[in-house]
Amino acid sequence: MAEPAKKVAQQTEDRLEDLAETVRKKFDKVTEGTYRDRVVAGRFAEQGDRGGDRARAESEGKQD
């Protein structure tokens, strides 16, 4: 890649990283960090604690 093209690519990457950080900050501000905190804490990672998957599996088994 030519040197000017590398420079433009690096500038674009830097600008996109800055934009992503800005979007993250604004999203956290709008949601007051609660959504991100719940995701990080794993609230949405494991649904088995509520028994919903177990009940769903049992109801699917009864349909057969």
N, C-alpha and C. Protein backbone atom coordinates (compact mmCIF):
# COMPACT_ATOMS: atom_id res chain seq x y z
N MET A 1 0.86 -1.17 0.00
CA MET A 1 0.00 0.00 0.00
C MET A 1 0.91 1.23 0.00
N ALA A 2 0.53 2.21 -0.76
CA ALA A 2 1.31 3.44 -0.84
C ALA A 2 1.26 4.17 0.50
N GLU A 3 2.30 4.93 0.78
CA GLU A 3 2.40 5.65 2.06
C GLU A 3 1.22 6.57 2.32
N PRO A 4 0.74 7.37 1.37
CA PRO A 4 -0.42 8.23 1.63
C PRO A 4 -1.68 7.41 1.97
N ALA A 5 -1.83 6.29 1.32
CA ALA A 5 -3.00 5.44 1.60
C ALA A 5 -2.93 4.87 3.01
N LYS A 6 -1.72 4.50 3.45
CA LYS A 6 -1.56 3.99 4.82
C LYS A 6 -1.90 5.07 5.83
N LYS A 7 -1.50 6.29 5.53
CA LYS A 7 -1.77 7.41 6.44
C LYS A 7 -3.28 7.65 6.54
N VAL A 8 -3.96 7.64 5.41
CA VAL A 8 -5.41 7.84 5.39
C VAL A 8 -6.10 6.69 6.14
N ALA A 9 -5.65 5.47 5.93
CA ALA A 9 -6.24 4.32 6.61
C ALA A 9 -6.06 4.44 8.12
N GLN A 10 -4.88 4.87 8.56
CA GLN A 10 -4.63 5.02 9.99
C GLN A 10 -5.50 6.12 10.59
N GLN A 11 -5.63 7.22 9.88
CA GLN A 11 -6.47 8.33 10.35
C GLN A 11 -7.93 7.88 10.46
N THR A 12 -8.38 7.13 9.47
CA THR A 12 -9.76 6.63 9.48
C THR A 12 -9.98 5.69 10.65
N GLU A 13 -9.02 4.80 10.89
CA GLU A 13 -9.14 3.87 12.01
C GLU A 13 -9.19 4.64 13.34
N ASP A 14 -8.35 5.63 13.49
CA ASP A 14 -8.34 6.43 14.71
C ASP A 14 -9.68 7.15 14.91
N ARG A 15 -10.20 7.70 13.84
CA ARG A 15 -11.48 8.41 13.93
C ARG A 15 -12.61 7.45 14.29
N LEU A 16 -12.59 6.25 13.73
CA LEU A 16 -13.62 5.26 14.05
C LEU A 16 -13.53 4.80 15.50
N GLU A 17 -12.32 4.66 16.01
CA GLU A 17 -12.15 4.30 17.42
C GLU A 17 -12.69 5.40 18.32
N ASP A 18 -12.41 6.65 17.97
CA ASP A 18 -12.93 7.78 18.74
C ASP A 18 -14.46 7.80 18.68
N LEU A 19 -15.02 7.55 17.52
CA LEU A 19 -16.47 7.53 17.36
C LEU A 19 -17.08 6.42 18.20
N ALA A 20 -16.48 5.24 18.19
CA ALA A 20 -17.00 4.12 18.98
C ALA A 20 -16.98 4.45 20.46
N GLU A 21 -15.93 5.08 20.93
CA GLU A 21 -15.85 5.47 22.34
C GLU A 21 -16.92 6.50 22.68
N THR A 22 -17.14 7.45 21.79
CA THR A 22 -18.17 8.47 22.00
C THR A 22 -19.55 7.82 22.08
N VAL A 23 -19.81 6.89 21.19
CA VAL A 23 -21.11 6.20 21.18
C VAL A 23 -21.29 5.42 22.47
N ARG A 24 -20.24 4.71 22.93
CA ARG A 24 -20.33 3.96 24.18
C ARG A 24 -20.66 4.88 25.35
N LYS A 25 -19.98 6.02 25.41
CA LYS A 25 -20.21 6.97 26.50
C LYS A 25 -21.64 7.51 26.48
N LYS A 26 -22.12 7.86 25.28
CA LYS A 26 -23.48 8.39 25.18
C LYS A 26 -24.51 7.32 25.50
N PHE A 27 -24.28 6.10 25.07
CA PHE A 27 -25.20 5.00 25.37
C PHE A 27 -25.25 4.78 26.88
N ASP A 28 -24.09 4.74 27.52
CA ASP A 28 -24.05 4.57 28.97
C ASP A 28 -24.76 5.71 29.68
N LYS A 29 -24.62 6.91 29.16
CA LYS A 29 -25.28 8.06 29.78
C LYS A 29 -26.79 7.94 29.65
N VAL A 30 -27.25 7.55 28.47
CA VAL A 30 -28.69 7.43 28.23
C VAL A 30 -29.28 6.32 29.09
N THR A 31 -28.59 5.21 29.18
CA THR A 31 -29.11 4.07 29.95
C THR A 31 -28.60 4.10 31.39
N GLU A 32 -27.88 5.13 31.74
CA GLU A 32 -27.28 5.29 33.06
C GLU A 32 -26.40 4.09 33.41
N GLY A 33 -25.86 3.45 32.39
CA GLY A 33 -24.95 2.34 32.61
C GLY A 33 -25.63 1.05 33.02
N THR A 34 -26.92 1.06 33.24
CA THR A 34 -27.58 -0.11 33.79
C THR A 34 -27.57 -1.30 32.83
N TYR A 35 -27.84 -1.07 31.56
CA TYR A 35 -27.88 -2.17 30.60
C TYR A 35 -26.51 -2.82 30.50
N ARG A 36 -25.49 -1.99 30.32
CA ARG A 36 -24.12 -2.51 30.20
C ARG A 36 -23.71 -3.23 31.48
N ASP A 37 -24.06 -2.68 32.62
CA ASP A 37 -23.71 -3.31 33.89
C ASP A 37 -24.37 -4.68 34.02
N ARG A 38 -25.62 -4.79 33.60
CA ARG A 38 -26.32 -6.08 33.67
C ARG A 38 -25.68 -7.10 32.73
N VAL A 39 -25.28 -6.66 31.54
CA VAL A 39 -24.65 -7.56 30.60
C VAL A 39 -23.31 -8.03 31.15
N VAL A 40 -22.53 -7.10 31.66
CA VAL A 40 -21.22 -7.44 32.21
C VAL A 40 -21.37 -8.36 33.42
N ALA A 41 -22.37 -8.12 34.23
CA ALA A 41 -22.60 -8.94 35.42
C ALA A 41 -23.13 -10.34 35.06
N GLY A 42 -23.54 -10.53 33.82
CA GLY A 42 -24.00 -11.83 33.38
C GLY A 42 -25.49 -12.06 33.55
N ARG A 43 -26.25 -11.00 33.77
CA ARG A 43 -27.68 -11.18 33.99
C ARG A 43 -28.34 -11.85 32.79
N PHE A 44 -27.90 -11.51 31.59
CA PHE A 44 -28.51 -12.07 30.40
C PHE A 44 -27.76 -13.30 29.89
N ALA A 45 -26.66 -13.62 30.52
CA ALA A 45 -25.85 -14.74 30.04
C ALA A 45 -26.44 -16.08 30.41
N GLU A 46 -27.00 -16.19 31.59
CA GLU A 46 -27.52 -17.46 32.08
C GLU A 46 -28.99 -17.33 32.42
N GLN A 47 -29.83 -17.87 31.59
CA GLN A 47 -31.27 -17.81 31.81
C GLN A 47 -31.76 -19.01 32.62
N GLY A 48 -30.92 -20.01 32.88
CA GLY A 48 -31.32 -21.22 33.57
C GLY A 48 -31.74 -20.99 35.00
N ASP A 49 -31.27 -19.92 35.63
CA ASP A 49 -31.61 -19.67 37.02
C ASP A 49 -33.09 -19.43 37.21
N ARG A 50 -33.76 -18.95 36.22
CA ARG A 50 -35.18 -18.64 36.33
C ARG A 50 -36.06 -19.84 36.05
N GLY A 51 -35.49 -20.88 35.48
CA GLY A 51 -36.26 -22.06 35.17
C GLY A 51 -37.03 -21.95 33.87
N GLY A 52 -36.88 -20.88 33.14
CA GLY A 52 -37.62 -20.68 31.90
C GLY A 52 -37.25 -21.69 30.84
N ASP A 53 -35.98 -22.00 30.73
CA ASP A 53 -35.56 -22.98 29.73
C ASP A 53 -36.06 -24.37 30.09
N ARG A 54 -36.05 -24.68 31.36
CA ARG A 54 -36.51 -26.00 31.80
C ARG A 54 -38.00 -26.15 31.50
N ALA A 55 -38.78 -25.12 31.83
CA ALA A 55 -40.22 -25.18 31.58
C ALA A 55 -40.51 -25.25 30.09
N ARG A 56 -39.74 -24.52 29.29
CA ARG A 56 -39.92 -24.54 27.85
C ARG A 56 -39.61 -25.93 27.31
N ALA A 57 -38.53 -26.54 27.79
CA ALA A 57 -38.14 -27.87 27.33
C ALA A 57 -39.22 -28.90 27.69
N GLU A 58 -39.78 -28.76 28.89
CA GLU A 58 -40.83 -29.69 29.31
C GLU A 58 -42.08 -29.55 28.45
N SER A 59 -42.45 -28.31 28.12
CA SER A 59 -43.64 -28.10 27.32
C SER A 59 -43.43 -28.58 25.90
N GLU A 60 -42.21 -28.45 25.37
CA GLU A 60 -41.92 -28.95 24.03
C GLU A 60 -41.96 -30.46 24.02
N GLY A 61 -41.51 -31.07 25.10
CA GLY A 61 -41.53 -32.53 25.19
C GLY A 61 -42.94 -33.08 25.23
N LYS A 62 -43.87 -32.37 25.83
CA LYS A 62 -45.25 -32.82 25.95
C LYS A 62 -46.00 -32.71 24.61
N GLN A 63 -45.50 -31.89 23.70
CA GLN A 63 -46.18 -31.72 22.42
C GLN A 63 -46.02 -32.93 21.52
N ASP A 64 -45.00 -33.74 21.75
CA ASP A 64 -44.75 -34.90 20.90
C ASP A 64 -45.76 -35.94 21.05
